[in-house]
Amino acid sequence: MFAQIGAKAPNFKVSDWVQGLPTNIDKLIGNIIVIEVFQVNCPGCFLYGLPQAISIYEKYRNKGVKVFGIATAFEDYDKNTLENLQLLLSEGKVIGETYKMLHQYGKLINNDKLYYKIPFPVAMDKVIKMPKQITNEMIEGFIEVYFSEYKPISEKDKEELRYKVKSYLQNKEYSADTFELYKLKGTPSSIIIDKDGILRYSFFGSEGYLEGAVMELMQNR
């Protein structure tokens, strides 16, 4: 079962709560829920996605809006780790491409620390090692989720797509449960769930739509 806009939002899956108390969607019915999904090695997450989520938290945390962060890993598995997330949250340390970009923009404190603190609860996505054997079911499931709107014209096109997906899955080291459960395209991504636990929005990138979406749901009684 994958998340669908307009349907009940499935509980997210995490391996560790690094900051804040453990919780989940089914425990927060009656609140608007904002989940900011980021990677530790993602400059855009720290320049745009996380500051936007922090702004929502600071403005609406006492108005029935719950904000959470989930650190995931769909690439750079040696950098997007639980250990680096712990360093980020406990000491403010940033690494890799995040460090390079923030250093370039003059946004580091004491040379290697993030210039702001993340105030809301943060968990690590459940990241598991991919199986050695890629099955037809896995290939078809991936196509259904990520290529649902693609309509191959010929049988040759279908086979080419299956071959490319199989090659991708064979070279993929790990699978991030919440990232894939919500069919996210990358990071930063923002997931917005209404008071009834229905998934209403999923934004990829820093479009600036997050506050408008939250305000819209706040106005719905």
N, C-alpha and C. Protein backbone atom coordinates (compact mmCIF):
# COMPACT_ATOMS: atom_id res chain seq x y z
N MET A 1 0.85 -1.19 0.00
CA MET A 1 0.00 0.00 0.00
C MET A 1 0.88 1.25 0.00
N PHE A 2 0.64 2.11 -0.97
CA PHE A 2 1.38 3.36 -1.05
C PHE A 2 0.46 4.53 -0.76
N ALA A 3 1.02 5.63 -0.31
CA ALA A 3 0.24 6.82 0.01
C ALA A 3 -0.38 7.39 -1.27
N GLN A 4 -1.61 7.86 -1.15
CA GLN A 4 -2.31 8.46 -2.26
C GLN A 4 -2.95 9.77 -1.81
N ILE A 5 -2.81 10.82 -2.61
CA ILE A 5 -3.45 12.08 -2.30
C ILE A 5 -4.96 11.86 -2.21
N GLY A 6 -5.55 12.35 -1.14
CA GLY A 6 -6.99 12.21 -0.94
C GLY A 6 -7.39 10.96 -0.18
N ALA A 7 -6.42 10.13 0.18
CA ALA A 7 -6.69 8.90 0.93
C ALA A 7 -6.05 8.99 2.31
N LYS A 8 -6.41 8.06 3.17
CA LYS A 8 -5.85 8.03 4.52
C LYS A 8 -4.33 7.88 4.45
N ALA A 9 -3.62 8.73 5.16
CA ALA A 9 -2.15 8.70 5.12
C ALA A 9 -1.63 7.54 5.96
N PRO A 10 -0.79 6.69 5.39
CA PRO A 10 -0.21 5.59 6.19
C PRO A 10 0.81 6.11 7.18
N ASN A 11 0.95 5.42 8.29
CA ASN A 11 1.98 5.79 9.27
C ASN A 11 3.35 5.75 8.63
N PHE A 12 4.18 6.73 8.95
CA PHE A 12 5.55 6.71 8.44
C PHE A 12 6.36 5.67 9.21
N LYS A 13 7.45 5.23 8.59
CA LYS A 13 8.29 4.18 9.19
C LYS A 13 9.67 4.76 9.46
N VAL A 14 10.11 4.63 10.70
CA VAL A 14 11.42 5.18 11.07
C VAL A 14 12.22 4.13 11.84
N SER A 15 13.52 4.31 11.86
CA SER A 15 14.39 3.41 12.62
C SER A 15 14.72 3.97 13.99
N ASP A 16 14.86 5.31 14.09
CA ASP A 16 15.23 5.94 15.36
C ASP A 16 14.62 7.33 15.45
N TRP A 17 14.13 7.68 16.65
CA TRP A 17 13.78 9.07 16.94
C TRP A 17 15.01 9.71 17.57
N VAL A 18 15.59 10.66 16.86
CA VAL A 18 16.83 11.28 17.32
C VAL A 18 16.55 12.51 18.16
N GLN A 19 15.43 13.15 17.89
CA GLN A 19 15.05 14.35 18.64
C GLN A 19 13.54 14.34 18.86
N GLY A 20 13.11 14.54 20.09
CA GLY A 20 11.69 14.54 20.38
C GLY A 20 11.16 13.16 20.72
N LEU A 21 9.90 13.11 21.14
CA LEU A 21 9.27 11.86 21.54
C LEU A 21 8.67 11.13 20.34
N PRO A 22 8.74 9.80 20.33
CA PRO A 22 8.16 9.03 19.23
C PRO A 22 6.66 9.28 19.09
N THR A 23 6.19 9.35 17.86
CA THR A 23 4.77 9.51 17.59
C THR A 23 4.50 9.04 16.17
N ASN A 24 3.25 9.14 15.73
CA ASN A 24 2.94 8.80 14.34
C ASN A 24 1.59 9.40 13.96
N ILE A 25 1.22 9.26 12.71
CA ILE A 25 0.05 9.93 12.18
C ILE A 25 -1.22 9.52 12.91
N ASP A 26 -1.37 8.22 13.18
CA ASP A 26 -2.60 7.76 13.82
C ASP A 26 -2.77 8.29 15.24
N LYS A 27 -1.70 8.79 15.85
CA LYS A 27 -1.78 9.34 17.19
C LYS A 27 -2.05 10.84 17.20
N LEU A 28 -2.07 11.44 15.99
CA LEU A 28 -2.17 12.90 15.90
C LEU A 28 -3.42 13.36 15.15
N ILE A 29 -4.40 12.47 15.02
CA ILE A 29 -5.65 12.85 14.37
C ILE A 29 -6.26 14.04 15.12
N GLY A 30 -6.74 15.02 14.38
CA GLY A 30 -7.25 16.25 14.97
C GLY A 30 -6.28 17.41 14.79
N ASN A 31 -5.06 17.09 14.35
CA ASN A 31 -4.05 18.11 14.04
C ASN A 31 -3.71 18.08 12.56
N ILE A 32 -3.29 19.22 12.04
CA ILE A 32 -2.67 19.25 10.72
C ILE A 32 -1.22 18.80 10.92
N ILE A 33 -0.76 17.90 10.07
CA ILE A 33 0.58 17.34 10.22
C ILE A 33 1.44 17.74 9.03
N VAL A 34 2.60 18.29 9.31
CA VAL A 34 3.57 18.63 8.27
C VAL A 34 4.82 17.79 8.52
N ILE A 35 5.21 17.00 7.52
CA ILE A 35 6.42 16.19 7.62
C ILE A 35 7.42 16.71 6.60
N GLU A 36 8.55 17.21 7.09
CA GLU A 36 9.61 17.69 6.20
C GLU A 36 10.63 16.58 6.03
N VAL A 37 10.76 16.08 4.81
CA VAL A 37 11.66 14.98 4.51
C VAL A 37 12.92 15.56 3.87
N PHE A 38 14.07 15.25 4.46
CA PHE A 38 15.32 15.83 4.00
C PHE A 38 16.43 14.79 4.07
N GLN A 39 17.57 15.11 3.49
CA GLN A 39 18.78 14.31 3.63
C GLN A 39 19.86 15.18 4.28
N VAL A 40 20.70 14.57 5.07
CA VAL A 40 21.79 15.31 5.71
C VAL A 40 22.71 15.90 4.65
N ASN A 41 22.94 15.14 3.57
CA ASN A 41 23.81 15.61 2.48
C ASN A 41 22.96 16.19 1.36
N CYS A 42 22.27 17.30 1.66
CA CYS A 42 21.36 17.94 0.70
C CYS A 42 21.35 19.44 0.97
N PRO A 43 22.16 20.22 0.26
CA PRO A 43 22.23 21.66 0.51
C PRO A 43 20.88 22.36 0.42
N GLY A 44 20.07 22.01 -0.58
CA GLY A 44 18.77 22.65 -0.73
C GLY A 44 17.85 22.43 0.45
N CYS A 45 18.00 21.29 1.11
CA CYS A 45 17.19 21.01 2.30
C CYS A 45 17.47 22.03 3.40
N PHE A 46 18.74 22.41 3.55
CA PHE A 46 19.14 23.30 4.63
C PHE A 46 18.98 24.77 4.27
N LEU A 47 19.05 25.07 2.98
CA LEU A 47 18.87 26.46 2.55
C LEU A 47 17.40 26.83 2.38
N TYR A 48 16.57 25.87 2.02
CA TYR A 48 15.17 26.17 1.67
C TYR A 48 14.14 25.33 2.44
N GLY A 49 14.24 24.01 2.33
CA GLY A 49 13.21 23.14 2.89
C GLY A 49 13.06 23.26 4.40
N LEU A 50 14.15 23.06 5.13
CA LEU A 50 14.08 23.10 6.60
C LEU A 50 13.72 24.49 7.14
N PRO A 51 14.30 25.59 6.63
CA PRO A 51 13.88 26.91 7.11
C PRO A 51 12.38 27.16 6.91
N GLN A 52 11.84 26.67 5.79
CA GLN A 52 10.41 26.83 5.53
C GLN A 52 9.59 26.05 6.57
N ALA A 53 10.02 24.83 6.88
CA ALA A 53 9.32 24.01 7.88
C ALA A 53 9.44 24.63 9.27
N ILE A 54 10.60 25.18 9.60
CA ILE A 54 10.79 25.83 10.89
C ILE A 54 9.87 27.04 11.03
N SER A 55 9.71 27.79 9.95
CA SER A 55 8.81 28.94 9.96
C SER A 55 7.37 28.50 10.26
N ILE A 56 6.94 27.39 9.65
CA ILE A 56 5.60 26.87 9.91
C ILE A 56 5.48 26.45 11.37
N TYR A 57 6.49 25.78 11.87
CA TYR A 57 6.49 25.34 13.27
C TYR A 57 6.35 26.53 14.22
N GLU A 58 7.14 27.56 13.98
CA GLU A 58 7.15 28.71 14.89
C GLU A 58 5.84 29.49 14.83
N LYS A 59 5.21 29.55 13.67
CA LYS A 59 3.98 30.33 13.51
C LYS A 59 2.74 29.58 13.99
N TYR A 60 2.72 28.27 13.80
CA TYR A 60 1.45 27.54 13.96
C TYR A 60 1.49 26.39 14.97
N ARG A 61 2.58 26.24 15.71
CA ARG A 61 2.67 25.08 16.62
C ARG A 61 1.62 25.13 17.72
N ASN A 62 1.12 26.30 18.07
CA ASN A 62 0.08 26.42 19.09
C ASN A 62 -1.30 26.58 18.47
N LYS A 63 -1.39 26.28 17.17
CA LYS A 63 -2.67 26.44 16.46
C LYS A 63 -3.09 25.13 15.80
N GLY A 64 -2.70 24.02 16.40
CA GLY A 64 -3.14 22.72 15.89
C GLY A 64 -2.34 22.18 14.73
N VAL A 65 -1.09 22.64 14.59
CA VAL A 65 -0.21 22.14 13.53
C VAL A 65 1.00 21.44 14.16
N LYS A 66 1.22 20.20 13.77
CA LYS A 66 2.36 19.44 14.26
C LYS A 66 3.38 19.30 13.12
N VAL A 67 4.63 19.64 13.40
CA VAL A 67 5.69 19.57 12.39
C VAL A 67 6.73 18.55 12.83
N PHE A 68 7.15 17.70 11.88
CA PHE A 68 8.17 16.70 12.14
C PHE A 68 9.18 16.69 11.00
N GLY A 69 10.38 16.27 11.30
CA GLY A 69 11.38 16.06 10.26
C GLY A 69 11.71 14.58 10.16
N ILE A 70 11.85 14.10 8.93
CA ILE A 70 12.33 12.74 8.71
C ILE A 70 13.54 12.82 7.80
N ALA A 71 14.70 12.39 8.33
CA ALA A 71 15.92 12.33 7.51
C ALA A 71 15.92 10.99 6.78
N THR A 72 16.08 11.05 5.49
CA THR A 72 16.03 9.83 4.68
C THR A 72 17.36 9.63 3.95
N ALA A 73 17.41 8.59 3.13
CA ALA A 73 18.62 8.31 2.33
C ALA A 73 18.21 7.53 1.09
N PHE A 74 18.24 8.21 -0.06
CA PHE A 74 18.02 7.51 -1.32
C PHE A 74 19.26 7.60 -2.23
N GLU A 75 20.33 8.17 -1.69
CA GLU A 75 21.60 8.30 -2.39
C GLU A 75 22.67 8.64 -1.35
N ASP A 76 23.93 8.65 -1.75
CA ASP A 76 25.02 9.04 -0.83
C ASP A 76 24.88 8.37 0.54
N TYR A 77 24.74 7.05 0.51
CA TYR A 77 24.43 6.31 1.74
C TYR A 77 25.55 6.41 2.79
N ASP A 78 26.75 6.72 2.35
CA ASP A 78 27.85 6.87 3.30
C ASP A 78 27.76 8.18 4.07
N LYS A 79 26.99 9.14 3.57
CA LYS A 79 26.85 10.44 4.22
C LYS A 79 25.49 10.63 4.89
N ASN A 80 24.44 10.11 4.26
CA ASN A 80 23.10 10.27 4.81
C ASN A 80 22.82 9.17 5.83
N THR A 81 23.53 9.27 6.95
CA THR A 81 23.51 8.22 7.96
C THR A 81 22.90 8.70 9.27
N LEU A 82 22.53 7.74 10.10
CA LEU A 82 22.02 8.05 11.44
C LEU A 82 23.07 8.81 12.24
N GLU A 83 24.33 8.40 12.12
CA GLU A 83 25.40 9.04 12.88
C GLU A 83 25.54 10.52 12.52
N ASN A 84 25.47 10.83 11.22
CA ASN A 84 25.59 12.23 10.81
C ASN A 84 24.35 13.03 11.19
N LEU A 85 23.19 12.38 11.22
CA LEU A 85 21.98 13.06 11.70
C LEU A 85 22.12 13.39 13.19
N GLN A 86 22.65 12.47 13.95
CA GLN A 86 22.85 12.70 15.38
C GLN A 86 23.82 13.86 15.63
N LEU A 87 24.89 13.92 14.83
CA LEU A 87 25.84 15.04 14.95
C LEU A 87 25.19 16.37 14.60
N LEU A 88 24.33 16.34 13.58
CA LEU A 88 23.62 17.55 13.18
C LEU A 88 22.75 18.07 14.31
N LEU A 89 21.98 17.18 14.92
CA LEU A 89 21.01 17.61 15.91
C LEU A 89 21.63 17.89 17.28
N SER A 90 22.71 17.20 17.61
CA SER A 90 23.33 17.41 18.92
C SER A 90 24.36 18.54 18.92
N GLU A 91 25.08 18.69 17.80
CA GLU A 91 26.17 19.67 17.75
C GLU A 91 26.03 20.70 16.63
N GLY A 92 25.04 20.50 15.76
CA GLY A 92 24.86 21.42 14.63
C GLY A 92 25.82 21.20 13.49
N LYS A 93 26.54 20.07 13.48
CA LYS A 93 27.55 19.83 12.46
C LYS A 93 26.91 19.40 11.14
N VAL A 94 27.40 20.00 10.05
CA VAL A 94 26.95 19.62 8.71
C VAL A 94 28.12 19.01 7.95
N ILE A 95 27.78 18.21 6.93
CA ILE A 95 28.83 17.46 6.23
C ILE A 95 28.64 17.54 4.71
N GLY A 96 29.62 17.04 3.98
CA GLY A 96 29.51 16.83 2.54
C GLY A 96 29.14 18.06 1.75
N GLU A 97 28.19 17.87 0.80
CA GLU A 97 27.76 18.96 -0.06
C GLU A 97 27.04 20.05 0.72
N THR A 98 26.38 19.67 1.80
CA THR A 98 25.73 20.67 2.65
C THR A 98 26.76 21.62 3.23
N TYR A 99 27.85 21.06 3.75
CA TYR A 99 28.92 21.88 4.31
C TYR A 99 29.50 22.81 3.23
N LYS A 100 29.79 22.26 2.06
CA LYS A 100 30.40 23.07 0.99
C LYS A 100 29.52 24.25 0.61
N MET A 101 28.23 24.00 0.44
CA MET A 101 27.33 25.07 -0.01
C MET A 101 27.12 26.12 1.08
N LEU A 102 26.89 25.68 2.32
CA LEU A 102 26.68 26.64 3.40
C LEU A 102 27.95 27.44 3.67
N HIS A 103 29.10 26.79 3.54
CA HIS A 103 30.37 27.51 3.70
C HIS A 103 30.53 28.56 2.61
N GLN A 104 30.18 28.20 1.40
CA GLN A 104 30.27 29.13 0.27
C GLN A 104 29.35 30.34 0.47
N TYR A 105 28.18 30.10 1.06
CA TYR A 105 27.21 31.17 1.28
C TYR A 105 27.46 31.93 2.58
N GLY A 106 28.49 31.55 3.32
CA GLY A 106 28.80 32.22 4.58
C GLY A 106 27.75 32.00 5.65
N LYS A 107 27.19 30.80 5.68
CA LYS A 107 26.09 30.52 6.60
C LYS A 107 26.46 29.48 7.66
N LEU A 108 27.73 29.39 7.97
CA LEU A 108 28.17 28.47 9.02
C LEU A 108 28.65 29.24 10.25
N ILE A 109 28.45 28.65 11.41
CA ILE A 109 28.94 29.21 12.66
C ILE A 109 30.15 28.38 13.10
N ASN A 110 31.20 29.04 13.52
CA ASN A 110 32.42 28.34 13.93
C ASN A 110 32.94 27.38 12.86
N ASN A 111 32.73 27.78 11.61
CA ASN A 111 33.30 27.10 10.44
C ASN A 111 32.59 25.82 10.01
N ASP A 112 31.89 25.11 10.92
CA ASP A 112 31.29 23.85 10.48
C ASP A 112 29.92 23.57 11.10
N LYS A 113 29.29 24.60 11.70
CA LYS A 113 28.01 24.37 12.36
C LYS A 113 26.88 25.15 11.68
N LEU A 114 25.72 24.52 11.65
CA LEU A 114 24.54 25.11 11.04
C LEU A 114 24.16 26.41 11.74
N TYR A 115 23.71 27.39 10.97
CA TYR A 115 23.43 28.71 11.53
C TYR A 115 22.07 28.80 12.21
N TYR A 116 21.32 27.70 12.26
CA TYR A 116 20.05 27.68 12.99
C TYR A 116 19.87 26.29 13.60
N LYS A 117 18.94 26.19 14.55
CA LYS A 117 18.62 24.91 15.17
C LYS A 117 17.29 24.40 14.64
N ILE A 118 17.17 23.11 14.51
CA ILE A 118 15.90 22.49 14.11
C ILE A 118 15.11 22.24 15.39
N PRO A 119 13.98 22.93 15.60
CA PRO A 119 13.30 22.87 16.90
C PRO A 119 12.29 21.73 17.06
N PHE A 120 11.89 21.12 15.96
CA PHE A 120 10.83 20.11 16.04
C PHE A 120 11.40 18.69 16.10
N PRO A 121 10.56 17.70 16.43
CA PRO A 121 11.04 16.31 16.49
C PRO A 121 11.57 15.83 15.14
N VAL A 122 12.62 15.02 15.19
CA VAL A 122 13.24 14.50 13.96
C VAL A 122 13.54 13.01 14.14
N ALA A 123 13.22 12.24 13.11
CA ALA A 123 13.49 10.80 13.12
C ALA A 123 14.29 10.41 11.90
N MET A 124 14.91 9.25 11.96
CA MET A 124 15.63 8.68 10.81
C MET A 124 14.73 7.70 10.11
N ASP A 125 14.57 7.86 8.81
CA ASP A 125 13.79 6.94 8.00
C ASP A 125 14.32 5.51 8.19
N LYS A 126 13.44 4.54 8.00
CA LYS A 126 13.86 3.15 8.06
C LYS A 126 14.51 2.79 6.74
N VAL A 127 15.83 2.65 6.76
CA VAL A 127 16.61 2.37 5.55
C VAL A 127 17.12 0.93 5.63
N ILE A 128 16.72 0.12 4.66
CA ILE A 128 17.09 -1.30 4.69
C ILE A 128 17.86 -1.68 3.43
N LYS A 129 18.70 -2.67 3.55
CA LYS A 129 19.52 -3.12 2.42
C LYS A 129 18.64 -3.81 1.39
N MET A 130 18.88 -3.52 0.13
CA MET A 130 18.11 -4.13 -0.95
C MET A 130 18.45 -5.62 -1.07
N PRO A 131 17.47 -6.45 -1.42
CA PRO A 131 17.76 -7.88 -1.62
C PRO A 131 18.62 -8.10 -2.86
N LYS A 132 19.37 -9.18 -2.87
CA LYS A 132 20.24 -9.47 -4.01
C LYS A 132 19.44 -9.85 -5.24
N GLN A 133 18.31 -10.51 -5.01
CA GLN A 133 17.49 -10.98 -6.13
C GLN A 133 16.36 -9.99 -6.41
N ILE A 134 16.35 -9.42 -7.61
CA ILE A 134 15.29 -8.50 -8.02
C ILE A 134 14.21 -9.29 -8.74
N THR A 135 13.01 -9.30 -8.18
CA THR A 135 11.92 -10.09 -8.74
C THR A 135 11.08 -9.28 -9.72
N ASN A 136 10.30 -9.99 -10.54
CA ASN A 136 9.38 -9.32 -11.46
C ASN A 136 8.36 -8.48 -10.70
N GLU A 137 7.97 -8.96 -9.52
CA GLU A 137 7.01 -8.22 -8.71
C GLU A 137 7.58 -6.88 -8.28
N MET A 138 8.85 -6.86 -7.90
CA MET A 138 9.51 -5.61 -7.51
C MET A 138 9.59 -4.65 -8.69
N ILE A 139 9.90 -5.17 -9.87
CA ILE A 139 10.00 -4.33 -11.07
C ILE A 139 8.65 -3.73 -11.41
N GLU A 140 7.60 -4.56 -11.41
CA GLU A 140 6.26 -4.09 -11.74
C GLU A 140 5.76 -3.09 -10.70
N GLY A 141 6.07 -3.34 -9.43
CA GLY A 141 5.66 -2.43 -8.38
C GLY A 141 6.31 -1.06 -8.52
N PHE A 142 7.59 -1.04 -8.88
CA PHE A 142 8.31 0.21 -9.07
C PHE A 142 7.71 0.98 -10.25
N ILE A 143 7.42 0.28 -11.33
CA ILE A 143 6.82 0.92 -12.51
C ILE A 143 5.45 1.49 -12.18
N GLU A 144 4.67 0.74 -11.41
CA GLU A 144 3.33 1.20 -11.04
C GLU A 144 3.38 2.47 -10.22
N VAL A 145 4.36 2.58 -9.33
CA VAL A 145 4.47 3.74 -8.46
C VAL A 145 5.05 4.95 -9.19
N TYR A 146 6.18 4.75 -9.89
CA TYR A 146 6.92 5.89 -10.43
C TYR A 146 6.69 6.16 -11.92
N PHE A 147 6.04 5.24 -12.60
CA PHE A 147 5.76 5.45 -14.03
C PHE A 147 4.29 5.21 -14.34
N SER A 148 3.43 5.52 -13.37
CA SER A 148 2.00 5.25 -13.55
C SER A 148 1.39 6.04 -14.70
N GLU A 149 1.97 7.21 -15.02
CA GLU A 149 1.42 8.04 -16.09
C GLU A 149 2.10 7.78 -17.44
N TYR A 150 3.13 6.93 -17.42
CA TYR A 150 3.83 6.63 -18.66
C TYR A 150 3.11 5.52 -19.40
N LYS A 151 2.78 5.78 -20.66
CA LYS A 151 2.06 4.79 -21.47
C LYS A 151 2.94 4.36 -22.65
N PRO A 152 3.68 3.25 -22.47
CA PRO A 152 4.55 2.79 -23.57
C PRO A 152 3.72 2.42 -24.80
N ILE A 153 4.23 2.80 -25.96
CA ILE A 153 3.48 2.59 -27.20
C ILE A 153 3.58 1.15 -27.67
N SER A 154 4.73 0.57 -27.56
CA SER A 154 4.94 -0.77 -28.10
C SER A 154 5.47 -1.72 -27.02
N GLU A 155 5.49 -2.99 -27.36
CA GLU A 155 6.04 -3.99 -26.45
C GLU A 155 7.53 -3.75 -26.23
N LYS A 156 8.21 -3.24 -27.27
CA LYS A 156 9.62 -2.92 -27.15
C LYS A 156 9.85 -1.84 -26.10
N ASP A 157 8.98 -0.82 -26.09
CA ASP A 157 9.08 0.25 -25.09
C ASP A 157 8.89 -0.30 -23.68
N LYS A 158 7.94 -1.20 -23.53
CA LYS A 158 7.69 -1.82 -22.22
C LYS A 158 8.92 -2.58 -21.74
N GLU A 159 9.52 -3.34 -22.64
CA GLU A 159 10.69 -4.14 -22.27
C GLU A 159 11.88 -3.25 -21.93
N GLU A 160 12.03 -2.14 -22.67
CA GLU A 160 13.12 -1.21 -22.37
C GLU A 160 12.94 -0.60 -20.98
N LEU A 161 11.70 -0.24 -20.66
CA LEU A 161 11.43 0.33 -19.34
C LEU A 161 11.71 -0.70 -18.25
N ARG A 162 11.27 -1.93 -18.45
CA ARG A 162 11.51 -2.98 -17.47
C ARG A 162 13.01 -3.22 -17.28
N TYR A 163 13.76 -3.19 -18.38
CA TYR A 163 15.21 -3.41 -18.31
C TYR A 163 15.88 -2.29 -17.52
N LYS A 164 15.47 -1.04 -17.78
CA LYS A 164 16.07 0.10 -17.08
C LYS A 164 15.74 0.06 -15.59
N VAL A 165 14.49 -0.29 -15.27
CA VAL A 165 14.09 -0.37 -13.87
C VAL A 165 14.85 -1.49 -13.16
N LYS A 166 14.98 -2.63 -13.83
CA LYS A 166 15.71 -3.75 -13.24
C LYS A 166 17.17 -3.37 -12.98
N SER A 167 17.80 -2.70 -13.94
CA SER A 167 19.19 -2.27 -13.76
C SER A 167 19.32 -1.29 -12.60
N TYR A 168 18.34 -0.38 -12.52
CA TYR A 168 18.36 0.60 -11.42
C TYR A 168 18.25 -0.11 -10.07
N LEU A 169 17.31 -1.03 -9.95
CA LEU A 169 17.11 -1.73 -8.68
C LEU A 169 18.30 -2.62 -8.32
N GLN A 170 18.93 -3.20 -9.34
CA GLN A 170 20.11 -4.04 -9.08
C GLN A 170 21.28 -3.23 -8.55
N ASN A 171 21.37 -1.97 -8.97
CA ASN A 171 22.48 -1.11 -8.55
C ASN A 171 22.15 -0.29 -7.29
N LYS A 172 20.92 -0.42 -6.84
CA LYS A 172 20.48 0.33 -5.67
C LYS A 172 20.88 -0.42 -4.41
N GLU A 173 21.58 0.24 -3.51
CA GLU A 173 22.11 -0.42 -2.32
C GLU A 173 21.06 -0.58 -1.23
N TYR A 174 20.25 0.48 -1.03
CA TYR A 174 19.31 0.49 0.09
C TYR A 174 17.94 1.00 -0.37
N SER A 175 16.96 0.74 0.47
CA SER A 175 15.61 1.23 0.24
C SER A 175 15.15 1.98 1.48
N ALA A 176 14.63 3.19 1.29
CA ALA A 176 14.16 4.02 2.41
C ALA A 176 12.63 3.93 2.47
N ASP A 177 12.12 3.35 3.57
CA ASP A 177 10.71 2.99 3.63
C ASP A 177 9.75 4.16 3.49
N THR A 178 9.91 5.20 4.30
CA THR A 178 8.96 6.32 4.25
C THR A 178 9.08 7.07 2.93
N PHE A 179 10.29 7.27 2.45
CA PHE A 179 10.53 7.94 1.17
C PHE A 179 9.76 7.23 0.06
N GLU A 180 9.82 5.91 0.05
CA GLU A 180 9.16 5.15 -1.01
C GLU A 180 7.68 4.97 -0.74
N LEU A 181 7.29 4.84 0.53
CA LEU A 181 5.88 4.71 0.89
C LEU A 181 5.08 5.89 0.39
N TYR A 182 5.68 7.09 0.47
CA TYR A 182 5.01 8.31 0.03
C TYR A 182 5.36 8.72 -1.40
N LYS A 183 6.05 7.84 -2.09
CA LYS A 183 6.38 8.02 -3.52
C LYS A 183 7.06 9.37 -3.77
N LEU A 184 7.99 9.72 -2.92
CA LEU A 184 8.66 11.01 -3.05
C LEU A 184 9.67 10.98 -4.19
N LYS A 185 9.89 12.14 -4.79
CA LYS A 185 10.77 12.25 -5.95
C LYS A 185 12.18 12.71 -5.59
N GLY A 186 12.35 13.23 -4.40
CA GLY A 186 13.65 13.73 -3.99
C GLY A 186 13.52 14.52 -2.70
N THR A 187 14.57 15.24 -2.35
CA THR A 187 14.53 16.09 -1.16
C THR A 187 15.03 17.49 -1.51
N PRO A 188 14.50 18.52 -0.83
CA PRO A 188 13.50 18.45 0.25
C PRO A 188 12.10 18.18 -0.27
N SER A 189 11.32 17.45 0.51
CA SER A 189 9.92 17.20 0.21
C SER A 189 9.09 17.49 1.45
N SER A 190 7.88 18.00 1.24
CA SER A 190 6.98 18.31 2.34
C SER A 190 5.68 17.54 2.16
N ILE A 191 5.28 16.82 3.20
CA ILE A 191 4.04 16.05 3.22
C ILE A 191 3.06 16.75 4.14
N ILE A 192 1.84 17.00 3.67
CA ILE A 192 0.85 17.70 4.49
C ILE A 192 -0.40 16.84 4.62
N ILE A 193 -0.80 16.60 5.86
CA ILE A 193 -1.92 15.72 6.18
C ILE A 193 -2.96 16.52 6.97
N ASP A 194 -4.25 16.37 6.64
CA ASP A 194 -5.27 17.18 7.31
C ASP A 194 -5.67 16.59 8.66
N LYS A 195 -6.62 17.24 9.33
CA LYS A 195 -7.01 16.86 10.70
C LYS A 195 -7.67 15.48 10.76
N ASP A 196 -8.17 15.00 9.63
CA ASP A 196 -8.80 13.68 9.59
C ASP A 196 -7.82 12.59 9.20
N GLY A 197 -6.54 12.95 9.05
CA GLY A 197 -5.54 11.96 8.69
C GLY A 197 -5.48 11.66 7.20
N ILE A 198 -6.01 12.56 6.38
CA ILE A 198 -6.01 12.39 4.93
C ILE A 198 -4.83 13.13 4.32
N LEU A 199 -4.10 12.45 3.45
CA LEU A 199 -2.98 13.08 2.76
C LEU A 199 -3.51 14.09 1.75
N ARG A 200 -3.13 15.34 1.92
CA ARG A 200 -3.65 16.40 1.04
C ARG A 200 -2.61 16.91 0.04
N TYR A 201 -1.36 17.01 0.46
CA TYR A 201 -0.34 17.56 -0.42
C TYR A 201 0.99 16.83 -0.23
N SER A 202 1.77 16.79 -1.31
CA SER A 202 3.15 16.31 -1.24
C SER A 202 3.95 17.15 -2.21
N PHE A 203 4.79 18.02 -1.67
CA PHE A 203 5.56 18.96 -2.48
C PHE A 203 7.02 18.53 -2.54
N PHE A 204 7.58 18.55 -3.74
CA PHE A 204 9.01 18.30 -3.91
C PHE A 204 9.69 19.61 -4.24
N GLY A 205 10.78 19.90 -3.52
CA GLY A 205 11.51 21.13 -3.79
C GLY A 205 11.05 22.26 -2.90
N SER A 206 11.39 23.46 -3.29
CA SER A 206 11.13 24.63 -2.45
C SER A 206 10.19 25.60 -3.15
N GLU A 207 9.04 25.10 -3.58
CA GLU A 207 8.12 25.93 -4.35
C GLU A 207 7.55 27.09 -3.55
N GLY A 208 7.56 26.99 -2.21
CA GLY A 208 6.99 28.06 -1.40
C GLY A 208 5.50 27.91 -1.18
N TYR A 209 4.95 26.71 -1.47
CA TYR A 209 3.52 26.49 -1.33
C TYR A 209 3.13 26.02 0.07
N LEU A 210 4.09 25.70 0.91
CA LEU A 210 3.80 25.02 2.17
C LEU A 210 2.88 25.82 3.08
N GLU A 211 3.18 27.08 3.31
CA GLU A 211 2.35 27.86 4.23
C GLU A 211 0.94 28.04 3.70
N GLY A 212 0.80 28.26 2.41
CA GLY A 212 -0.53 28.41 1.83
C GLY A 212 -1.37 27.15 2.01
N ALA A 213 -0.73 25.98 1.85
CA ALA A 213 -1.44 24.71 2.02
C ALA A 213 -1.87 24.53 3.48
N VAL A 214 -0.99 24.88 4.41
CA VAL A 214 -1.33 24.76 5.83
C VAL A 214 -2.46 25.70 6.20
N MET A 215 -2.41 26.94 5.73
CA MET A 215 -3.46 27.91 6.03
C MET A 215 -4.79 27.48 5.46
N GLU A 216 -4.77 26.88 4.27
CA GLU A 216 -6.00 26.38 3.65
C GLU A 216 -6.65 25.31 4.53
N LEU A 217 -5.83 24.38 5.02
CA LEU A 217 -6.36 23.31 5.85
C LEU A 217 -6.82 23.82 7.22
N MET A 218 -6.18 24.85 7.72
CA MET A 218 -6.60 25.44 8.99
C MET A 218 -7.98 26.08 8.88
N GLN A 219 -8.29 26.59 7.70
CA GLN A 219 -9.58 27.26 7.49
C GLN A 219 -10.72 26.27 7.29
N ASN A 220 -10.38 25.02 6.95
CA ASN A 220 -11.40 24.00 6.75
C ASN A 220 -11.83 23.43 8.09
N ARG A 221 -13.06 23.55 8.41
CA ARG A 221 -13.59 23.07 9.71
C ARG A 221 -14.24 21.70 9.54
